[in-house]
Protein backbone atom coordinates (compact mmCIF):
# COMPACT_ATOMS: atom_id res chain seq x y z
CA MET A 1 -0.16 -0.07 0.03
CA LYS A 2 1.53 3.28 -1.32
CA PRO A 3 2.21 5.68 2.03
CA ILE A 4 -0.26 8.32 0.93
CA ALA A 5 -3.30 5.34 0.94
CA LYS A 6 -2.20 4.94 4.53
CA PHE A 7 -2.60 8.45 5.03
CA MET A 8 -5.91 8.91 3.94
CA ARG A 9 -7.19 5.89 5.55
CA ASN A 10 -6.12 7.17 8.87
CA LEU A 11 -8.88 9.57 10.58
CA PHE A 12 -6.65 11.51 12.92
CA CYS A 13 -4.43 12.13 9.76
CA TYR A 14 -7.53 13.34 7.67
CA TYR A 15 -8.73 15.78 9.89
CA LEU A 16 -5.10 16.93 10.58
CA ALA A 17 -4.99 17.54 6.82
CA ILE A 18 -8.35 19.36 6.66
CA LEU A 19 -7.61 21.71 9.70
CA CYS A 20 -4.02 22.68 9.43
CA PRO A 21 -4.26 24.86 6.55
CA ALA A 22 -7.69 26.25 7.54
CA ILE A 23 -5.83 27.32 11.13
CA PHE A 24 -2.95 28.52 8.94
CA ILE A 25 -5.15 30.88 6.46
CA PHE A 26 -6.94 32.23 9.45
CA TRP A 27 -3.64 32.62 11.34
CA LEU A 28 -2.15 34.67 8.56
CA LYS A 29 -5.56 36.92 8.59
CA ASN A 30 -5.44 37.47 12.18
CA ALA A 31 -1.43 38.43 12.64
CA GLU A 32 -2.38 40.68 9.47
CA LEU A 33 0.35 38.82 7.52
CA ILE A 34 -1.90 39.04 4.24
CA ALA A 35 -4.27 41.27 2.57
CA SER A 36 -8.21 41.02 2.58
CA ASN A 37 -8.65 39.81 -1.04
CA ALA A 38 -5.41 37.47 -0.67
CA PHE A 39 -7.50 36.08 2.31
CA LEU A 40 -11.09 35.83 0.21
CA ILE A 41 -8.61 34.09 -2.14
CA SER A 42 -7.02 31.46 0.04
CA ILE A 43 -10.21 30.55 1.91
CA PHE A 44 -12.22 30.17 -1.94
CA SER A 45 -9.32 28.11 -2.94
CA TYR A 46 -9.30 26.03 0.34
CA ALA A 47 -12.87 25.61 0.09
CA LEU A 48 -13.70 25.05 -3.54
CA LEU A 49 -10.56 23.12 -4.83
CA TYR A 50 -8.63 21.68 -1.87
CA ARG A 51 -11.51 20.07 0.59
CA PRO A 52 -13.28 18.42 -2.56
CA PHE A 53 -10.02 17.07 -4.01
CA LEU A 54 -8.91 15.55 -0.48
CA ASP A 55 -12.23 14.21 -0.11
CA GLY A 56 -12.28 12.34 -3.44
CA MET A 57 -8.95 10.84 -2.53
CA ARG A 58 -9.80 9.59 0.75
CA LEU A 59 -13.46 7.92 -0.69
CA HIS A 60 -10.95 6.71 -3.77
CA HIS A 61 -8.23 5.28 -0.72
CA LYS A 62 -10.67 3.72 1.10
CA ASP A 63 -12.38 2.41 -2.27
CA TYR A 64 -15.57 3.97 -2.38
CA ILE A 65 -15.02 5.49 -5.58
CA GLU A 66 -12.37 5.50 -8.39
CA LYS A 67 -10.26 7.45 -9.06
CA ASN A 68 -11.41 8.59 -12.13
CA GLU A 69 -14.96 9.81 -10.58
CA ILE A 70 -12.84 12.05 -7.90
CA TRP A 71 -13.98 15.23 -10.73
CA LYS A 72 -17.95 14.77 -9.49
CA ILE A 73 -17.16 15.90 -5.75
CA TYR A 74 -16.50 19.11 -7.92
CA ILE A 75 -20.28 19.52 -8.70
CA PRO A 76 -22.30 21.61 -7.04
CA PHE A 77 -25.13 19.78 -5.14
CA ASN A 78 -23.78 16.24 -6.11
CA THR A 79 -24.60 14.19 -3.50
CA LEU A 80 -21.26 11.76 -3.53
CA ARG A 81 -19.66 12.96 0.02
CA TRP A 82 -23.09 13.08 1.72
CA GLU A 83 -23.98 9.29 0.31
CA ASN A 84 -20.60 8.21 1.94
CA PHE A 85 -20.85 10.83 4.98
CA LYS A 86 -20.21 8.18 7.66
CA GLU A 87 -17.18 6.83 5.74
CA LEU A 88 -15.58 10.32 5.32
CA TYR A 89 -15.60 11.97 8.41
CA LEU A 90 -16.55 9.49 11.29
CA LYS A 91 -14.99 6.11 10.33
CA GLY A 92 -11.08 5.56 10.46
């Protein structure tokens, strides 16, 4: 098994990968190290690019979807994440 697959299967590591970038972005904003427009771009990039990709990779490595189905998570109002909510966020 590849190391990234092991990492994505571990629930603690998955939550770490979710929370660290968000905390870092908010820390930069609170420390006034980035401007408001850069903050907004960072938040939208995190929410619209990084998180769906990360969720798709976790579902793929847990064998719930195929790798070529990850793009479906980017479709607005897609139910792929909600159908696999327990496997994605609650089961290690």
